[in-house]
Structure formats: structure tokens, C-alpha cells
């Protein structure tokens, strides 16, 4: 049995065609990575980093959100006074 996996969205390489075989276990690992969820211990697949424009974009996005949260907390702390 064969299937087709397509990915689209921010940070996904446009028009990229993966040169290796991937399975559903790779899709599970990749989705968990993108959603910042733990990869199940029984998953044998790997994250499809090759499909990303920047393999570290998820980490950068998390840092960007943490920075925005810190700025918002400072702003809110100033309003409480």
C-alpha cells in the first residue's frame, strides 16, 4: 500500500519533493514536532526536517511567542500600578 503526504503552511518548503520514502510514522513524528507535542515513545519514524524552509523555525517561533508574552506581562504589570 502506498499513500501521498502533502504539507503546506508557514515554514514548509514550497514545491519540495522529498527524495526518500516516508511512512505514517514519519507524519506522526513531524506533526508532533510542529505542534510542540511529545512524540509517542512507540513511534519509529522521524521528523521530516527536509520539508522545512528552516529546520529550526519551530524553535524560533516558540521563542518569538515567549518574547511577545514577556512584553505583554511587562505592559500588564505597569497597568496594575
N, C-alpha and C. Protein backbone atom coordinates (compact mmCIF):
# COMPACT_ATOMS: atom_id res chain seq x y z
N UNK A 1 0.84 -1.18 0.00
CA UNK A 1 0.00 0.00 0.00
C UNK A 1 0.88 1.24 0.00
N UNK A 2 0.47 2.20 -0.77
CA UNK A 2 1.17 3.47 -0.83
C UNK A 2 0.18 4.59 -0.58
N UNK A 3 0.70 5.69 -0.11
CA UNK A 3 -0.13 6.86 0.13
C UNK A 3 0.60 8.10 -0.31
N UNK A 4 -0.02 9.23 -0.14
CA UNK A 4 0.55 10.51 -0.53
C UNK A 4 0.49 11.44 0.67
N UNK A 5 1.60 12.08 0.96
CA UNK A 5 1.65 13.06 2.04
C UNK A 5 1.96 14.40 1.43
N UNK A 6 1.10 15.37 1.66
CA UNK A 6 1.37 16.73 1.22
C UNK A 6 1.35 17.62 2.46
N UNK A 7 2.24 18.60 2.45
CA UNK A 7 2.33 19.52 3.58
C UNK A 7 2.33 20.94 3.03
N UNK A 8 1.64 21.82 3.71
CA UNK A 8 1.63 23.22 3.32
C UNK A 8 1.47 24.06 4.58
N UNK A 9 1.96 25.27 4.50
CA UNK A 9 1.82 26.17 5.63
C UNK A 9 3.09 26.95 5.87
N UNK A 10 3.06 27.80 6.88
CA UNK A 10 4.24 28.62 7.19
C UNK A 10 5.44 27.73 7.51
N UNK A 11 6.55 28.02 6.86
CA UNK A 11 7.78 27.30 7.15
C UNK A 11 7.97 26.02 6.35
N UNK A 12 6.98 25.64 5.56
CA UNK A 12 7.10 24.43 4.75
C UNK A 12 7.65 24.84 3.38
N UNK A 13 8.66 24.13 2.92
CA UNK A 13 9.31 24.42 1.64
C UNK A 13 8.31 24.26 0.50
N UNK A 14 8.13 25.32 -0.28
CA UNK A 14 7.19 25.28 -1.41
C UNK A 14 7.78 24.46 -2.55
N UNK A 15 6.99 23.56 -3.09
CA UNK A 15 7.40 22.78 -4.24
C UNK A 15 8.45 21.71 -3.97
N UNK A 16 8.76 21.48 -2.71
CA UNK A 16 9.79 20.49 -2.37
C UNK A 16 9.22 19.08 -2.49
N UNK A 17 10.00 18.22 -3.07
CA UNK A 17 9.61 16.81 -3.18
C UNK A 17 10.63 15.98 -2.42
N UNK A 18 10.18 15.32 -1.40
CA UNK A 18 11.06 14.51 -0.56
C UNK A 18 11.65 13.37 -1.39
N UNK A 19 12.95 13.17 -1.27
CA UNK A 19 13.63 12.18 -2.08
C UNK A 19 13.71 10.81 -1.41
N UNK A 20 13.15 10.68 -0.24
CA UNK A 20 13.17 9.39 0.44
C UNK A 20 11.76 8.92 0.72
N UNK A 21 11.64 7.65 0.97
CA UNK A 21 10.35 7.09 1.32
C UNK A 21 10.01 7.49 2.75
N UNK A 22 8.78 7.88 2.95
CA UNK A 22 8.33 8.19 4.30
C UNK A 22 7.05 7.42 4.56
N UNK A 23 6.80 7.21 5.82
CA UNK A 23 5.61 6.47 6.21
C UNK A 23 4.76 7.28 7.18
N UNK A 24 3.65 6.70 7.57
CA UNK A 24 2.75 7.37 8.50
C UNK A 24 3.47 7.68 9.82
N UNK A 25 4.43 6.84 10.20
CA UNK A 25 5.15 7.09 11.45
C UNK A 25 5.97 8.37 11.35
N UNK A 26 6.45 8.71 10.14
CA UNK A 26 7.16 9.98 9.95
C UNK A 26 6.20 11.15 10.04
N UNK A 27 5.00 10.98 9.51
CA UNK A 27 3.99 12.04 9.59
C UNK A 27 3.63 12.31 11.04
N UNK A 28 3.48 11.26 11.83
CA UNK A 28 3.15 11.41 13.25
C UNK A 28 4.25 12.20 13.96
N UNK A 29 5.49 11.81 13.74
CA UNK A 29 6.62 12.50 14.40
C UNK A 29 6.69 13.96 13.96
N UNK A 30 6.45 14.22 12.68
CA UNK A 30 6.53 15.58 12.16
C UNK A 30 5.41 16.45 12.72
N UNK A 31 4.21 15.93 12.75
CA UNK A 31 3.07 16.69 13.29
C UNK A 31 3.29 16.98 14.77
N UNK A 32 3.76 16.01 15.52
CA UNK A 32 4.04 16.24 16.95
C UNK A 32 5.09 17.34 17.10
N UNK A 33 6.12 17.31 16.27
CA UNK A 33 7.17 18.34 16.33
C UNK A 33 6.58 19.72 16.04
N UNK A 34 5.78 19.82 14.98
CA UNK A 34 5.21 21.11 14.60
C UNK A 34 4.26 21.67 15.64
N UNK A 35 3.58 20.79 16.36
CA UNK A 35 2.63 21.23 17.38
C UNK A 35 3.24 21.29 18.77
N UNK A 36 4.55 21.06 18.84
CA UNK A 36 5.27 21.08 20.11
C UNK A 36 4.68 20.08 21.11
N UNK A 37 4.32 18.91 20.59
CA UNK A 37 3.80 17.82 21.41
C UNK A 37 4.88 16.75 21.54
N UNK A 38 4.87 15.99 22.60
CA UNK A 38 5.85 14.90 22.70
C UNK A 38 5.55 13.82 21.66
N UNK A 39 6.61 13.32 21.06
CA UNK A 39 6.46 12.23 20.10
C UNK A 39 6.23 10.95 20.91
N UNK A 40 5.20 10.18 20.61
CA UNK A 40 4.95 8.95 21.36
C UNK A 40 6.17 8.03 21.37
N UNK A 41 6.42 7.42 22.51
CA UNK A 41 7.59 6.55 22.67
C UNK A 41 7.61 5.41 21.66
N UNK A 42 6.45 4.97 21.23
CA UNK A 42 6.38 3.83 20.32
C UNK A 42 6.54 4.23 18.85
N UNK A 43 6.64 5.52 18.58
CA UNK A 43 6.79 5.98 17.20
C UNK A 43 8.19 5.66 16.70
N UNK A 44 8.26 5.01 15.56
CA UNK A 44 9.54 4.62 14.99
C UNK A 44 10.01 5.59 13.92
N UNK A 45 9.17 6.50 13.49
CA UNK A 45 9.50 7.43 12.42
C UNK A 45 10.31 8.61 12.91
N UNK A 46 10.67 9.44 11.97
CA UNK A 46 11.45 10.62 12.27
C UNK A 46 10.79 11.87 11.71
N UNK A 47 11.16 13.01 12.25
CA UNK A 47 10.65 14.29 11.78
C UNK A 47 11.18 14.55 10.37
N UNK A 48 10.33 15.01 9.49
CA UNK A 48 10.71 15.28 8.11
C UNK A 48 11.29 16.70 7.99
N UNK A 49 12.45 16.92 8.60
CA UNK A 49 13.09 18.23 8.60
C UNK A 49 13.36 18.74 7.19
N UNK A 50 13.58 17.84 6.24
CA UNK A 50 13.91 18.22 4.88
C UNK A 50 12.81 19.06 4.24
N UNK A 51 11.58 18.91 4.71
CA UNK A 51 10.44 19.62 4.13
C UNK A 51 10.31 21.05 4.66
N UNK A 52 11.12 21.42 5.63
CA UNK A 52 11.02 22.75 6.23
C UNK A 52 11.94 23.74 5.52
N UNK A 53 11.48 24.98 5.35
CA UNK A 53 12.35 26.03 4.82
C UNK A 53 13.53 26.24 5.77
N UNK A 54 13.23 26.24 7.06
CA UNK A 54 14.24 26.40 8.10
C UNK A 54 13.94 25.34 9.16
N UNK A 55 14.82 24.34 9.30
CA UNK A 55 14.55 23.26 10.27
C UNK A 55 14.37 23.75 11.71
N UNK A 56 14.82 24.95 12.02
CA UNK A 56 14.69 25.48 13.37
C UNK A 56 13.55 26.48 13.52
N UNK A 57 12.68 26.58 12.50
CA UNK A 57 11.65 27.59 12.55
C UNK A 57 10.71 27.39 13.73
N UNK A 58 10.43 26.17 14.09
CA UNK A 58 9.52 25.90 15.20
C UNK A 58 10.12 26.44 16.50
N UNK A 59 11.40 26.22 16.70
CA UNK A 59 12.06 26.74 17.89
C UNK A 59 12.09 28.27 17.89
N UNK A 60 12.32 28.85 16.73
CA UNK A 60 12.33 30.32 16.61
C UNK A 60 10.94 30.89 16.87
N UNK A 61 9.91 30.21 16.40
CA UNK A 61 8.55 30.67 16.61
C UNK A 61 8.18 30.61 18.09
N UNK A 62 8.57 29.56 18.76
CA UNK A 62 8.32 29.45 20.20
C UNK A 62 9.01 30.59 20.94
N UNK A 63 10.26 30.90 20.57
CA UNK A 63 10.98 32.00 21.21
C UNK A 63 10.30 33.32 20.93
N UNK A 64 9.83 33.52 19.70
CA UNK A 64 9.13 34.76 19.35
C UNK A 64 7.87 34.92 20.21
N UNK A 65 7.13 33.83 20.41
CA UNK A 65 5.93 33.88 21.23
C UNK A 65 6.26 34.14 22.70
N UNK A 66 7.35 33.54 23.18
CA UNK A 66 7.77 33.78 24.57
C UNK A 66 8.16 35.24 24.77
N UNK A 67 8.87 35.82 23.80
CA UNK A 67 9.25 37.23 23.88
C UNK A 67 8.03 38.13 23.89
N UNK A 68 7.04 37.82 23.04
CA UNK A 68 5.81 38.60 22.99
C UNK A 68 5.06 38.50 24.31
N UNK A 69 5.02 37.31 24.89
CA UNK A 69 4.36 37.12 26.18
C UNK A 69 5.07 37.93 27.26
N UNK A 70 6.39 37.93 27.25
CA UNK A 70 7.14 38.70 28.25
C UNK A 70 6.84 40.19 28.12
N UNK A 71 6.77 40.70 26.89
CA UNK A 71 6.44 42.11 26.68
C UNK A 71 5.04 42.42 27.19
N UNK A 72 4.10 41.52 26.93
CA UNK A 72 2.73 41.72 27.38
C UNK A 72 2.65 41.70 28.90
N UNK A 73 3.40 40.80 29.55
CA UNK A 73 3.38 40.74 31.01
C UNK A 73 3.94 42.01 31.62
N UNK A 74 5.00 42.57 31.01
CA UNK A 74 5.58 43.84 31.49
C UNK A 74 4.55 44.95 31.35
N UNK A 75 3.87 44.99 30.22
CA UNK A 75 2.86 46.01 29.97
C UNK A 75 1.72 45.89 30.98
N UNK A 76 1.25 44.69 31.21
CA UNK A 76 0.15 44.48 32.15
C UNK A 76 0.57 44.81 33.58
N UNK A 77 1.81 44.49 33.93
CA UNK A 77 2.31 44.82 35.28
C UNK A 77 2.34 46.33 35.48
N UNK A 78 2.64 47.09 34.43
CA UNK A 78 2.66 48.54 34.51
C UNK A 78 1.28 49.13 34.66
N UNK A 79 0.26 48.46 34.15
CA UNK A 79 -1.11 48.95 34.26
C UNK A 79 -1.72 48.69 35.63
N UNK A 80 -1.16 47.73 36.37
CA UNK A 80 -1.70 47.37 37.68
C UNK A 80 -1.33 48.40 38.74
N UNK A 81 -0.36 49.22 38.46
CA UNK A 81 0.09 50.19 39.45
C UNK A 81 -0.81 51.37 39.57
